Amino acid sequence: EAARILDHESKEVFRDRFDRADGRIANGWTEDKGVGPLSDLSKGAVRIEGSHQKSGRTRVFRQLPPDRFIAFTAALTVGEDARGTRSGLFIASARTSRRGEVEVRAELAVCRNRDGEIEVRIQKKSTDEDAAFRAVAGPEWPESKAVRVSIERRGEDLDSRFTLLVDGEPVETNLQIDALFSSRQNLSFGAFVEGEPGRVADLVVDDVRVVRRK
């Protein structure tokens, strides 16, 4: 009982409802763009919108040391203008090379694909960079409706396991990704859209909740 209380007291919750003036997202968020879609703060939410000029992702994310991350949840609304893009949440261990390229060591991602299916991507090491998204069973994820999506961690360090949830329902459980915790590299976690040239992003991110170690 004492251990449970100490564990609870070691955690804190960060909330961001984005109820600030329109403009830059700020407040500790980083924006990673350059493939076409743009992100900004508008009408009390983060909006990622626009056409892809080249293949890739637009991301809005935060960072934490690996031992501090516990859970990340956000309300995601895929708009009716979205065409042929993936929209979801991710957590990754990555670094930027001297040439300015992002090198991903490991990643977990859960998203809604162009056909409305739920997909996950699991990259366990840097040599798995071509790991594919795959469809999983789960609840309906309709357009134009806010759906809560979560990435939750249980356990410590290399004993950590992850659960991915959509609308409160687990779609993947007991995922072990040692490379997320095998270095001191900060973890990046946030929302993303991904698509090919000509595809259109339309994603609203709101009501973020992060559970972290103090």
N, C-alpha and C. Protein backbone atom coordinates (compact mmCIF):
# COMPACT_ATOMS: atom_id res chain seq x y z
N GLU A 1 0.83 -1.21 0.00
CA GLU A 1 0.00 0.00 0.00
C GLU A 1 0.86 1.25 0.00
N ALA A 2 1.93 1.23 0.82
CA ALA A 2 2.82 2.39 0.88
C ALA A 2 3.50 2.62 -0.46
N ALA A 3 3.90 1.52 -1.12
CA ALA A 3 4.56 1.64 -2.42
C ALA A 3 3.61 2.23 -3.45
N ARG A 4 2.33 1.85 -3.38
CA ARG A 4 1.35 2.37 -4.32
C ARG A 4 1.13 3.86 -4.12
N ILE A 5 1.09 4.29 -2.85
CA ILE A 5 0.91 5.70 -2.56
C ILE A 5 2.11 6.50 -3.04
N LEU A 6 3.31 5.99 -2.80
CA LEU A 6 4.52 6.68 -3.25
C LEU A 6 4.56 6.79 -4.77
N ASP A 7 4.13 5.71 -5.43
CA ASP A 7 4.10 5.73 -6.89
C ASP A 7 3.12 6.79 -7.39
N HIS A 8 1.96 6.86 -6.76
CA HIS A 8 0.97 7.85 -7.16
C HIS A 8 1.48 9.27 -6.95
N GLU A 9 2.13 9.50 -5.81
CA GLU A 9 2.61 10.85 -5.48
C GLU A 9 3.78 11.27 -6.35
N SER A 10 4.42 10.32 -7.03
CA SER A 10 5.57 10.66 -7.88
C SER A 10 5.13 11.15 -9.26
N LYS A 11 3.81 11.11 -9.54
CA LYS A 11 3.29 11.47 -10.85
C LYS A 11 2.64 12.84 -10.83
N GLU A 12 2.62 13.48 -11.98
CA GLU A 12 1.91 14.73 -12.14
C GLU A 12 1.22 14.73 -13.50
N VAL A 13 0.17 15.53 -13.62
CA VAL A 13 -0.61 15.60 -14.86
C VAL A 13 -0.47 16.98 -15.47
N PHE A 14 -0.12 17.03 -16.74
CA PHE A 14 -0.08 18.27 -17.51
C PHE A 14 -1.26 18.27 -18.45
N ARG A 15 -2.04 19.35 -18.41
CA ARG A 15 -3.19 19.49 -19.31
C ARG A 15 -2.98 20.69 -20.23
N ASP A 16 -3.40 20.56 -21.47
CA ASP A 16 -3.39 21.69 -22.39
C ASP A 16 -4.66 21.64 -23.21
N ARG A 17 -5.53 22.63 -22.97
CA ARG A 17 -6.78 22.72 -23.73
C ARG A 17 -6.66 23.74 -24.86
N PHE A 18 -5.48 24.32 -24.99
CA PHE A 18 -5.20 25.26 -26.08
C PHE A 18 -6.16 26.46 -26.09
N ASP A 19 -6.58 26.86 -24.89
CA ASP A 19 -7.51 27.98 -24.78
C ASP A 19 -6.73 29.30 -24.65
N ARG A 20 -5.91 29.56 -25.69
CA ARG A 20 -5.09 30.77 -25.74
C ARG A 20 -5.38 31.51 -27.05
N ALA A 21 -4.74 32.66 -27.18
CA ALA A 21 -4.94 33.46 -28.39
C ALA A 21 -4.44 32.68 -29.61
N ASP A 22 -5.10 32.88 -30.75
CA ASP A 22 -4.68 32.23 -31.99
C ASP A 22 -3.25 32.61 -32.34
N GLY A 23 -2.57 31.69 -33.04
CA GLY A 23 -1.20 31.98 -33.48
C GLY A 23 -0.30 30.78 -33.26
N ARG A 24 0.90 31.04 -32.77
CA ARG A 24 1.85 29.95 -32.52
C ARG A 24 1.37 29.07 -31.38
N ILE A 25 1.66 27.80 -31.48
CA ILE A 25 1.21 26.85 -30.47
C ILE A 25 1.95 27.08 -29.15
N ALA A 26 3.27 27.21 -29.22
CA ALA A 26 4.11 27.54 -28.06
C ALA A 26 3.82 26.62 -26.87
N ASN A 27 4.03 27.14 -25.65
CA ASN A 27 3.75 26.41 -24.40
C ASN A 27 4.46 25.06 -24.34
N GLY A 28 5.68 24.99 -24.90
CA GLY A 28 6.47 23.76 -24.83
C GLY A 28 6.30 22.82 -26.00
N TRP A 29 5.48 23.20 -26.97
CA TRP A 29 5.26 22.34 -28.14
C TRP A 29 6.26 22.70 -29.24
N THR A 30 6.67 21.69 -29.98
CA THR A 30 7.54 21.85 -31.15
C THR A 30 6.78 21.47 -32.40
N GLU A 31 6.98 22.21 -33.46
CA GLU A 31 6.32 21.92 -34.74
C GLU A 31 7.37 21.43 -35.73
N ASP A 32 7.06 20.34 -36.38
CA ASP A 32 7.96 19.75 -37.38
C ASP A 32 7.19 19.70 -38.69
N LYS A 33 7.52 20.61 -39.59
CA LYS A 33 6.79 20.68 -40.85
C LYS A 33 7.77 20.85 -42.00
N GLY A 34 7.25 21.00 -43.20
CA GLY A 34 8.12 21.14 -44.35
C GLY A 34 7.70 20.27 -45.51
N VAL A 35 6.63 19.48 -45.31
CA VAL A 35 6.14 18.64 -46.41
C VAL A 35 4.85 19.18 -47.02
N GLY A 36 4.35 20.32 -46.47
CA GLY A 36 3.15 20.93 -47.04
C GLY A 36 2.15 21.40 -46.01
N PRO A 37 1.50 20.46 -45.28
CA PRO A 37 0.52 20.88 -44.28
C PRO A 37 1.16 21.76 -43.20
N LEU A 38 0.39 22.71 -42.69
CA LEU A 38 0.87 23.62 -41.67
C LEU A 38 0.06 23.44 -40.39
N SER A 39 0.68 23.78 -39.27
CA SER A 39 0.00 23.67 -37.98
C SER A 39 -0.01 25.03 -37.29
N ASP A 40 -1.12 25.31 -36.62
CA ASP A 40 -1.21 26.53 -35.83
C ASP A 40 -2.31 26.38 -34.79
N LEU A 41 -2.39 27.39 -33.92
CA LEU A 41 -3.41 27.40 -32.88
C LEU A 41 -4.55 28.30 -33.35
N SER A 42 -5.75 27.73 -33.46
CA SER A 42 -6.88 28.48 -33.99
C SER A 42 -8.17 28.02 -33.33
N LYS A 43 -8.94 28.95 -32.82
CA LYS A 43 -10.25 28.66 -32.22
C LYS A 43 -10.14 27.64 -31.09
N GLY A 44 -9.08 27.78 -30.27
CA GLY A 44 -8.94 26.94 -29.09
C GLY A 44 -8.52 25.52 -29.33
N ALA A 45 -7.84 25.27 -30.45
CA ALA A 45 -7.34 23.92 -30.74
C ALA A 45 -6.17 24.02 -31.72
N VAL A 46 -5.38 22.96 -31.79
CA VAL A 46 -4.31 22.88 -32.77
C VAL A 46 -4.89 22.32 -34.06
N ARG A 47 -4.60 22.99 -35.18
CA ARG A 47 -5.10 22.54 -36.46
C ARG A 47 -3.93 22.28 -37.40
N ILE A 48 -3.94 21.09 -38.00
CA ILE A 48 -2.94 20.72 -39.00
C ILE A 48 -3.69 20.55 -40.31
N GLU A 49 -3.42 21.45 -41.26
CA GLU A 49 -4.21 21.49 -42.48
C GLU A 49 -3.32 21.78 -43.68
N GLY A 50 -3.78 21.34 -44.85
CA GLY A 50 -3.11 21.69 -46.08
C GLY A 50 -2.73 20.50 -46.93
N SER A 51 -2.29 20.79 -48.15
CA SER A 51 -1.92 19.75 -49.11
C SER A 51 -0.45 19.36 -48.97
N HIS A 52 -0.18 18.08 -49.16
CA HIS A 52 1.20 17.59 -49.15
C HIS A 52 1.90 17.95 -50.45
N GLN A 53 3.03 18.62 -50.32
CA GLN A 53 3.86 18.91 -51.48
C GLN A 53 4.85 17.77 -51.74
N LYS A 54 5.15 17.02 -50.70
CA LYS A 54 5.99 15.83 -50.83
C LYS A 54 5.61 14.85 -49.74
N SER A 55 6.10 13.62 -49.87
CA SER A 55 5.75 12.58 -48.90
C SER A 55 6.36 12.88 -47.54
N GLY A 56 5.63 12.55 -46.49
CA GLY A 56 6.18 12.72 -45.16
C GLY A 56 5.14 13.13 -44.15
N ARG A 57 5.65 13.60 -43.01
CA ARG A 57 4.79 13.92 -41.88
C ARG A 57 4.90 15.39 -41.47
N THR A 58 3.81 15.90 -40.95
CA THR A 58 3.81 17.13 -40.18
C THR A 58 3.48 16.71 -38.75
N ARG A 59 4.28 17.18 -37.79
CA ARG A 59 4.11 16.75 -36.41
C ARG A 59 4.03 17.95 -35.47
N VAL A 60 3.27 17.79 -34.41
CA VAL A 60 3.25 18.73 -33.29
C VAL A 60 3.52 17.89 -32.05
N PHE A 61 4.61 18.18 -31.33
CA PHE A 61 5.01 17.25 -30.28
C PHE A 61 5.70 17.94 -29.10
N ARG A 62 5.80 17.20 -28.02
CA ARG A 62 6.55 17.58 -26.83
C ARG A 62 7.66 16.57 -26.62
N GLN A 63 8.54 16.83 -25.66
CA GLN A 63 9.62 15.90 -25.35
C GLN A 63 9.75 15.73 -23.83
N LEU A 64 10.16 14.53 -23.44
CA LEU A 64 10.44 14.22 -22.04
C LEU A 64 11.58 13.20 -21.98
N PRO A 65 12.38 13.22 -20.90
CA PRO A 65 13.33 12.12 -20.70
C PRO A 65 12.56 10.80 -20.61
N PRO A 66 13.13 9.70 -21.08
CA PRO A 66 12.41 8.43 -21.13
C PRO A 66 11.81 8.00 -19.79
N ASP A 67 12.53 8.24 -18.68
CA ASP A 67 12.03 7.77 -17.39
C ASP A 67 10.87 8.59 -16.85
N ARG A 68 10.53 9.72 -17.50
CA ARG A 68 9.44 10.57 -17.00
C ARG A 68 8.11 10.32 -17.71
N PHE A 69 8.14 9.74 -18.90
CA PHE A 69 6.90 9.55 -19.67
C PHE A 69 6.08 8.40 -19.11
N ILE A 70 4.76 8.67 -18.92
CA ILE A 70 3.84 7.62 -18.47
C ILE A 70 2.67 7.47 -19.43
N ALA A 71 2.03 8.57 -19.82
CA ALA A 71 0.88 8.44 -20.72
C ALA A 71 0.62 9.75 -21.44
N PHE A 72 0.01 9.63 -22.61
CA PHE A 72 -0.32 10.79 -23.45
C PHE A 72 -1.68 10.52 -24.09
N THR A 73 -2.59 11.48 -23.94
CA THR A 73 -3.94 11.36 -24.51
C THR A 73 -4.31 12.67 -25.19
N ALA A 74 -5.02 12.58 -26.30
CA ALA A 74 -5.51 13.79 -26.97
C ALA A 74 -6.82 13.48 -27.67
N ALA A 75 -7.65 14.51 -27.83
CA ALA A 75 -8.87 14.38 -28.61
C ALA A 75 -8.55 14.76 -30.05
N LEU A 76 -8.73 13.83 -30.97
CA LEU A 76 -8.41 14.04 -32.38
C LEU A 76 -9.69 14.07 -33.21
N THR A 77 -9.80 15.09 -34.06
CA THR A 77 -10.92 15.18 -34.99
C THR A 77 -10.38 15.22 -36.40
N VAL A 78 -10.65 14.18 -37.16
CA VAL A 78 -10.26 14.13 -38.56
C VAL A 78 -11.38 14.79 -39.36
N GLY A 79 -11.08 15.90 -40.04
CA GLY A 79 -12.10 16.66 -40.75
C GLY A 79 -12.53 16.02 -42.05
N GLU A 80 -13.66 16.47 -42.55
CA GLU A 80 -14.19 15.92 -43.80
C GLU A 80 -13.35 16.32 -45.01
N ASP A 81 -12.45 17.30 -44.83
CA ASP A 81 -11.59 17.70 -45.94
C ASP A 81 -10.34 16.82 -46.06
N ALA A 82 -10.11 15.94 -45.08
CA ALA A 82 -8.94 15.05 -45.14
C ALA A 82 -9.07 14.12 -46.34
N ARG A 83 -8.02 14.03 -47.11
CA ARG A 83 -8.03 13.18 -48.30
C ARG A 83 -6.73 12.38 -48.38
N GLY A 84 -6.84 11.08 -48.12
CA GLY A 84 -5.70 10.20 -48.33
C GLY A 84 -4.56 10.34 -47.35
N THR A 85 -4.84 10.83 -46.12
CA THR A 85 -3.78 10.98 -45.13
C THR A 85 -4.04 10.09 -43.92
N ARG A 86 -2.98 9.81 -43.20
CA ARG A 86 -3.08 9.19 -41.89
C ARG A 86 -3.04 10.31 -40.84
N SER A 87 -3.81 10.14 -39.76
CA SER A 87 -3.86 11.13 -38.70
C SER A 87 -3.86 10.39 -37.37
N GLY A 88 -2.92 10.74 -36.47
CA GLY A 88 -2.89 10.01 -35.20
C GLY A 88 -1.87 10.54 -34.22
N LEU A 89 -1.52 9.67 -33.26
CA LEU A 89 -0.55 9.98 -32.22
C LEU A 89 0.68 9.09 -32.37
N PHE A 90 1.81 9.56 -31.84
CA PHE A 90 3.04 8.77 -31.89
C PHE A 90 3.88 9.04 -30.65
N ILE A 91 4.78 8.11 -30.36
CA ILE A 91 5.86 8.32 -29.41
C ILE A 91 7.10 7.73 -30.06
N ALA A 92 8.22 8.45 -29.99
CA ALA A 92 9.41 8.00 -30.70
C ALA A 92 10.68 8.43 -29.98
N SER A 93 11.72 7.65 -30.19
CA SER A 93 13.07 8.03 -29.82
C SER A 93 13.79 8.36 -31.12
N ALA A 94 14.21 9.61 -31.25
CA ALA A 94 14.81 10.05 -32.52
C ALA A 94 15.88 11.09 -32.24
N ARG A 95 16.74 11.27 -33.20
CA ARG A 95 17.74 12.34 -33.09
C ARG A 95 17.90 12.98 -34.46
N THR A 96 18.38 14.21 -34.46
CA THR A 96 18.61 14.93 -35.70
C THR A 96 20.08 14.83 -36.09
N SER A 97 20.33 14.38 -37.30
CA SER A 97 21.70 14.20 -37.76
C SER A 97 22.35 15.55 -38.07
N ARG A 98 23.63 15.51 -38.33
CA ARG A 98 24.36 16.74 -38.68
C ARG A 98 23.82 17.38 -39.95
N ARG A 99 23.19 16.57 -40.79
CA ARG A 99 22.61 17.09 -42.04
C ARG A 99 21.18 17.59 -41.83
N GLY A 100 20.71 17.55 -40.57
CA GLY A 100 19.38 18.04 -40.28
C GLY A 100 18.28 17.02 -40.52
N GLU A 101 18.66 15.77 -40.77
CA GLU A 101 17.67 14.73 -41.00
C GLU A 101 17.29 14.05 -39.69
N VAL A 102 16.01 13.73 -39.54
CA VAL A 102 15.53 13.06 -38.34
C VAL A 102 15.76 11.55 -38.48
N GLU A 103 16.50 10.99 -37.54
CA GLU A 103 16.78 9.55 -37.55
C GLU A 103 16.02 8.91 -36.39
N VAL A 104 15.04 8.07 -36.72
CA VAL A 104 14.19 7.46 -35.71
C VAL A 104 14.80 6.14 -35.25
N ARG A 105 15.01 6.01 -33.94
CA ARG A 105 15.54 4.77 -33.37
C ARG A 105 14.44 3.77 -33.08
N ALA A 106 13.29 4.29 -32.64
CA ALA A 106 12.15 3.43 -32.32
C ALA A 106 10.90 4.29 -32.28
N GLU A 107 9.74 3.66 -32.58
CA GLU A 107 8.50 4.43 -32.61
C GLU A 107 7.29 3.53 -32.41
N LEU A 108 6.27 4.10 -31.76
CA LEU A 108 4.93 3.54 -31.73
C LEU A 108 3.99 4.60 -32.29
N ALA A 109 3.09 4.21 -33.17
CA ALA A 109 2.12 5.16 -33.72
C ALA A 109 0.78 4.47 -33.86
N VAL A 110 -0.29 5.23 -33.60
CA VAL A 110 -1.65 4.74 -33.78
C VAL A 110 -2.41 5.83 -34.53
N CYS A 111 -3.18 5.44 -35.56
CA CYS A 111 -3.78 6.46 -36.42
C CYS A 111 -5.06 5.96 -37.08
N ARG A 112 -5.74 6.92 -37.72
CA ARG A 112 -6.86 6.62 -38.61
C ARG A 112 -6.33 6.75 -40.02
N ASN A 113 -6.54 5.74 -40.86
CA ASN A 113 -6.02 5.82 -42.23
C ASN A 113 -7.05 6.45 -43.17
N ARG A 114 -6.72 6.53 -44.43
CA ARG A 114 -7.56 7.20 -45.42
C ARG A 114 -8.92 6.55 -45.58
N ASP A 115 -9.03 5.27 -45.21
CA ASP A 115 -10.29 4.54 -45.35
C ASP A 115 -11.07 4.46 -44.04
N GLY A 116 -10.58 5.15 -43.01
CA GLY A 116 -11.27 5.15 -41.73
C GLY A 116 -10.89 4.01 -40.81
N GLU A 117 -9.94 3.17 -41.25
CA GLU A 117 -9.49 2.06 -40.41
C GLU A 117 -8.46 2.54 -39.39
N ILE A 118 -8.38 1.83 -38.26
CA ILE A 118 -7.34 2.10 -37.27
C ILE A 118 -6.10 1.31 -37.65
N GLU A 119 -4.96 1.98 -37.64
CA GLU A 119 -3.69 1.34 -37.94
C GLU A 119 -2.68 1.62 -36.84
N VAL A 120 -1.72 0.72 -36.71
CA VAL A 120 -0.60 0.94 -35.80
C VAL A 120 0.70 0.69 -36.55
N ARG A 121 1.75 1.36 -36.06
CA ARG A 121 3.09 1.14 -36.60
C ARG A 121 4.03 0.91 -35.43
N ILE A 122 4.82 -0.16 -35.51
CA ILE A 122 5.74 -0.51 -34.44
C ILE A 122 7.14 -0.62 -35.02
N GLN A 123 8.00 0.32 -34.67
CA GLN A 123 9.40 0.27 -35.09
C GLN A 123 10.23 0.01 -33.84
N LYS A 124 10.86 -1.16 -33.77
CA LYS A 124 11.56 -1.57 -32.56
C LYS A 124 13.03 -1.17 -32.54
N LYS A 125 13.60 -0.85 -33.70
CA LYS A 125 15.00 -0.45 -33.75
C LYS A 125 15.24 0.37 -35.01
N SER A 126 16.39 1.01 -35.08
CA SER A 126 16.67 1.92 -36.19
C SER A 126 16.66 1.21 -37.54
N THR A 127 17.00 -0.06 -37.55
CA THR A 127 17.04 -0.79 -38.82
C THR A 127 15.64 -1.21 -39.28
N ASP A 128 14.62 -0.93 -38.46
CA ASP A 128 13.24 -1.23 -38.85
C ASP A 128 12.54 0.00 -39.42
N GLU A 129 13.30 0.95 -39.94
CA GLU A 129 12.69 2.22 -40.35
C GLU A 129 11.63 2.06 -41.44
N ASP A 130 11.63 0.93 -42.13
CA ASP A 130 10.62 0.69 -43.15
C ASP A 130 9.42 -0.10 -42.60
N ALA A 131 9.34 -0.21 -41.27
CA ALA A 131 8.20 -0.92 -40.67
C ALA A 131 6.89 -0.31 -41.16
N ALA A 132 5.97 -1.17 -41.54
CA ALA A 132 4.73 -0.70 -42.17
C ALA A 132 3.62 -0.50 -41.15
N PHE A 133 2.66 0.35 -41.49
CA PHE A 133 1.42 0.45 -40.74
C PHE A 133 0.60 -0.80 -41.05
N ARG A 134 -0.15 -1.27 -40.06
CA ARG A 134 -1.05 -2.41 -40.28
C ARG A 134 -2.37 -2.15 -39.57
N ALA A 135 -3.43 -2.62 -40.18
CA ALA A 135 -4.77 -2.41 -39.63
C ALA A 135 -4.99 -3.29 -38.41
N VAL A 136 -5.72 -2.75 -37.42
CA VAL A 136 -6.08 -3.50 -36.22
C VAL A 136 -7.57 -3.31 -35.96
N ALA A 137 -8.14 -4.25 -35.21
CA ALA A 137 -9.54 -4.16 -34.85
C ALA A 137 -9.73 -3.10 -33.77
N GLY A 138 -10.87 -2.41 -33.82
CA GLY A 138 -11.14 -1.39 -32.82
C GLY A 138 -12.46 -0.71 -33.07
N PRO A 139 -12.76 0.32 -32.30
CA PRO A 139 -14.04 1.02 -32.45
C PRO A 139 -14.06 1.86 -33.73
N GLU A 140 -15.25 2.33 -34.06
CA GLU A 140 -15.38 3.21 -35.22
C GLU A 140 -14.67 4.53 -34.93
N TRP A 141 -13.99 5.06 -35.94
CA TRP A 141 -13.32 6.35 -35.84
C TRP A 141 -13.85 7.22 -36.98
N PRO A 142 -14.97 7.87 -36.78
CA PRO A 142 -15.61 8.61 -37.87
C PRO A 142 -14.96 9.96 -38.13
N GLU A 143 -15.26 10.53 -39.28
CA GLU A 143 -14.85 11.90 -39.58
C GLU A 143 -15.68 12.88 -38.75
N SER A 144 -15.08 14.05 -38.52
CA SER A 144 -15.79 15.19 -37.93
C SER A 144 -16.29 14.93 -36.51
N LYS A 145 -15.70 13.96 -35.81
CA LYS A 145 -16.06 13.69 -34.43
C LYS A 145 -14.78 13.54 -33.61
N ALA A 146 -14.74 14.21 -32.45
CA ALA A 146 -13.56 14.11 -31.59
C ALA A 146 -13.48 12.71 -30.98
N VAL A 147 -12.35 12.05 -31.17
CA VAL A 147 -12.12 10.72 -30.63
C VAL A 147 -10.87 10.77 -29.75
N ARG A 148 -10.98 10.27 -28.52
CA ARG A 148 -9.82 10.29 -27.62
C ARG A 148 -8.91 9.12 -27.95
N VAL A 149 -7.64 9.44 -28.14
CA VAL A 149 -6.61 8.45 -28.48
C VAL A 149 -5.52 8.53 -27.43
N SER A 150 -5.00 7.38 -27.00
CA SER A 150 -4.04 7.36 -25.90
C SER A 150 -2.89 6.40 -26.16
N ILE A 151 -1.74 6.77 -25.63
CA ILE A 151 -0.57 5.89 -25.56
C ILE A 151 -0.19 5.81 -24.09
N GLU A 152 -0.27 4.62 -23.50
CA GLU A 152 -0.03 4.46 -22.07
C GLU A 152 1.09 3.47 -21.82
N ARG A 153 1.89 3.79 -20.82
CA ARG A 153 3.03 2.94 -20.45
C ARG A 153 2.86 2.41 -19.03
N ARG A 154 3.20 1.15 -18.86
CA ARG A 154 3.26 0.56 -17.52
C ARG A 154 4.62 -0.10 -17.34
N GLY A 155 5.13 -0.07 -16.12
CA GLY A 155 6.43 -0.66 -15.85
C GLY A 155 7.55 0.36 -15.95
N GLU A 156 8.75 -0.09 -15.66
CA GLU A 156 9.91 0.80 -15.63
C GLU A 156 10.97 0.36 -16.63
N ASP A 157 11.62 1.33 -17.23
CA ASP A 157 12.77 1.11 -18.11
C ASP A 157 12.51 -0.03 -19.11
N LEU A 158 13.41 -1.00 -19.15
CA LEU A 158 13.29 -2.06 -20.15
C LEU A 158 12.17 -3.05 -19.85
N ASP A 159 11.52 -2.91 -18.69
CA ASP A 159 10.36 -3.74 -18.38
C ASP A 159 9.06 -3.05 -18.77
N SER A 160 9.16 -1.91 -19.42
CA SER A 160 7.98 -1.14 -19.80
C SER A 160 7.17 -1.87 -20.88
N ARG A 161 5.85 -1.70 -20.79
CA ARG A 161 4.93 -2.21 -21.80
C ARG A 161 3.96 -1.09 -22.17
N PHE A 162 3.56 -1.06 -23.43
CA PHE A 162 2.69 0.01 -23.91
C PHE A 162 1.33 -0.54 -24.33
N THR A 163 0.31 0.30 -24.12
CA THR A 163 -1.04 0.02 -24.61
C THR A 163 -1.48 1.21 -25.46
N LEU A 164 -2.07 0.92 -26.62
CA LEU A 164 -2.62 1.94 -27.50
C LEU A 164 -4.13 1.85 -27.44
N LEU A 165 -4.79 3.00 -27.19
CA LEU A 165 -6.24 3.00 -27.03
C LEU A 165 -6.89 4.00 -27.97
N VAL A 166 -8.06 3.63 -28.48
CA VAL A 166 -8.88 4.52 -29.30
C VAL A 166 -10.27 4.53 -28.69
N ASP A 167 -10.75 5.70 -28.32
CA ASP A 167 -12.06 5.87 -27.69
C ASP A 167 -12.19 4.97 -26.46
N GLY A 168 -11.08 4.86 -25.70
CA GLY A 168 -11.08 4.08 -24.47
C GLY A 168 -10.90 2.59 -24.64
N GLU A 169 -10.86 2.12 -25.88
CA GLU A 169 -10.74 0.68 -26.15
C GLU A 169 -9.32 0.33 -26.57
N PRO A 170 -8.66 -0.62 -25.88
CA PRO A 170 -7.32 -1.02 -26.30
C PRO A 170 -7.34 -1.65 -27.69
N VAL A 171 -6.43 -1.18 -28.56
CA VAL A 171 -6.32 -1.77 -29.89
C VAL A 171 -5.01 -2.54 -30.03
N GLU A 172 -4.04 -2.26 -29.14
CA GLU A 172 -2.81 -3.04 -29.03
C GLU A 172 -2.39 -2.99 -27.56
N THR A 173 -1.93 -4.11 -27.03
CA THR A 173 -1.52 -4.17 -25.63
C THR A 173 -0.18 -4.88 -25.48
N ASN A 174 0.45 -4.66 -24.35
CA ASN A 174 1.67 -5.39 -23.97
C ASN A 174 2.80 -5.25 -24.99
N LEU A 175 2.92 -4.07 -25.58
CA LEU A 175 3.97 -3.83 -26.56
C LEU A 175 5.27 -3.47 -25.86
N GLN A 176 6.33 -4.16 -26.19
CA GLN A 176 7.64 -3.91 -25.59
C GLN A 176 8.57 -3.33 -26.65
N ILE A 177 9.05 -2.11 -26.41
CA ILE A 177 9.95 -1.44 -27.35
C ILE A 177 11.16 -0.96 -26.55
N ASP A 178 12.14 -1.85 -26.36
CA ASP A 178 13.27 -1.53 -25.50
C ASP A 178 14.03 -0.29 -25.96
N ALA A 179 14.11 -0.08 -27.27
CA ALA A 179 14.92 1.02 -27.79
C ALA A 179 14.39 2.40 -27.37
N LEU A 180 13.13 2.45 -26.93
CA LEU A 180 12.60 3.73 -26.45
C LEU A 180 13.25 4.14 -25.13
N PHE A 181 13.83 3.17 -24.43
CA PHE A 181 14.37 3.45 -23.10
C PHE A 181 15.84 3.07 -22.94
N SER A 182 16.48 2.64 -24.02
CA SER A 182 17.85 2.16 -23.92
C SER A 182 18.89 3.26 -24.13
N SER A 183 18.45 4.51 -24.23
CA SER A 183 19.39 5.63 -24.32
C SER A 183 18.83 6.79 -23.53
N ARG A 184 19.63 7.82 -23.38
CA ARG A 184 19.17 9.00 -22.65
C ARG A 184 18.49 10.01 -23.56
N GLN A 185 18.34 9.63 -24.81
CA GLN A 185 17.68 10.51 -25.78
C GLN A 185 16.25 10.80 -25.34
N ASN A 186 15.85 12.06 -25.37
CA ASN A 186 14.48 12.41 -25.04
C ASN A 186 13.49 11.68 -25.93
N LEU A 187 12.33 11.34 -25.36
CA LEU A 187 11.24 10.81 -26.16
C LEU A 187 10.43 11.97 -26.73
N SER A 188 10.04 11.85 -27.98
CA SER A 188 9.13 12.81 -28.60
C SER A 188 7.75 12.15 -28.67
N PHE A 189 6.70 12.90 -28.35
CA PHE A 189 5.36 12.35 -28.42
C PHE A 189 4.39 13.46 -28.80
N GLY A 190 3.44 13.12 -29.66
CA GLY A 190 2.51 14.14 -30.11
C GLY A 190 1.59 13.62 -31.19
N ALA A 191 1.09 14.56 -32.01
CA ALA A 191 0.16 14.23 -33.08
C ALA A 191 0.84 14.40 -34.44
N PHE A 192 0.35 13.67 -35.43
CA PHE A 192 0.95 13.75 -36.76
C PHE A 192 -0.09 13.55 -37.84
N VAL A 193 0.22 14.05 -39.01
CA VAL A 193 -0.48 13.67 -40.25
C VAL A 193 0.60 13.21 -41.22
N GLU A 194 0.27 12.24 -42.04
CA GLU A 194 1.23 11.66 -42.98
C GLU A 194 0.54 11.40 -44.30
N GLY A 195 1.21 11.76 -45.40
CA GLY A 195 0.60 11.53 -46.69
C GLY A 195 1.58 11.66 -47.84
N GLU A 196 1.08 11.39 -49.03
CA GLU A 196 1.84 11.48 -50.27
C GLU A 196 1.52 12.80 -50.97
N PRO A 197 2.31 13.19 -51.96
CA PRO A 197 2.04 14.45 -52.68
C PRO A 197 0.60 14.51 -53.20
N GLY A 198 -0.04 15.67 -52.98
CA GLY A 198 -1.41 15.87 -53.42
C GLY A 198 -2.46 15.49 -52.40
N ARG A 199 -2.08 14.74 -51.38
CA ARG A 199 -3.03 14.37 -50.34
C ARG A 199 -3.25 15.56 -49.40
N VAL A 200 -4.42 15.60 -48.77
CA VAL A 200 -4.81 16.76 -47.98
C VAL A 200 -4.99 16.38 -46.51
N ALA A 201 -4.38 17.15 -45.62
CA ALA A 201 -4.50 16.94 -44.18
C ALA A 201 -5.58 17.84 -43.61
N ASP A 202 -6.31 17.32 -42.64
CA ASP A 202 -7.33 18.09 -41.93
C ASP A 202 -7.52 17.44 -40.57
N LEU A 203 -6.74 17.91 -39.58
CA LEU A 203 -6.75 17.30 -38.25
C LEU A 203 -6.81 18.40 -37.19
N VAL A 204 -7.69 18.20 -36.19
CA VAL A 204 -7.78 19.09 -35.04
C VAL A 204 -7.36 18.30 -33.80
N VAL A 205 -6.46 18.88 -33.02
CA VAL A 205 -5.95 18.25 -31.80
C VAL A 205 -6.35 19.13 -30.61
N ASP A 206 -6.95 18.53 -29.61
CA ASP A 206 -7.42 19.32 -28.46
C ASP A 206 -7.36 18.49 -27.19
N ASP A 207 -7.52 19.19 -26.06
CA ASP A 207 -7.67 18.58 -24.75
C ASP A 207 -6.61 17.51 -24.48
N VAL A 208 -5.36 17.95 -24.52
CA VAL A 208 -4.22 17.05 -24.30
C VAL A 208 -4.03 16.79 -22.79
N ARG A 209 -3.70 15.56 -22.47
CA ARG A 209 -3.39 15.17 -21.10
C ARG A 209 -2.12 14.33 -21.11
N VAL A 210 -1.12 14.79 -20.37
CA VAL A 210 0.15 14.07 -20.25
C VAL A 210 0.37 13.69 -18.80
N VAL A 211 0.62 12.42 -18.53
CA VAL A 211 0.99 11.96 -17.20
C VAL A 211 2.50 11.71 -17.22
N ARG A 212 3.21 12.31 -16.25
CA ARG A 212 4.67 12.21 -16.23
C ARG A 212 5.18 12.10 -14.81
N ARG A 213 6.37 11.58 -14.67
CA ARG A 213 7.04 11.56 -13.37
C ARG A 213 7.48 12.96 -13.00
N LYS A 214 7.38 13.29 -11.74
CA LYS A 214 7.84 14.61 -11.29
C LYS A 214 9.34 14.71 -11.39
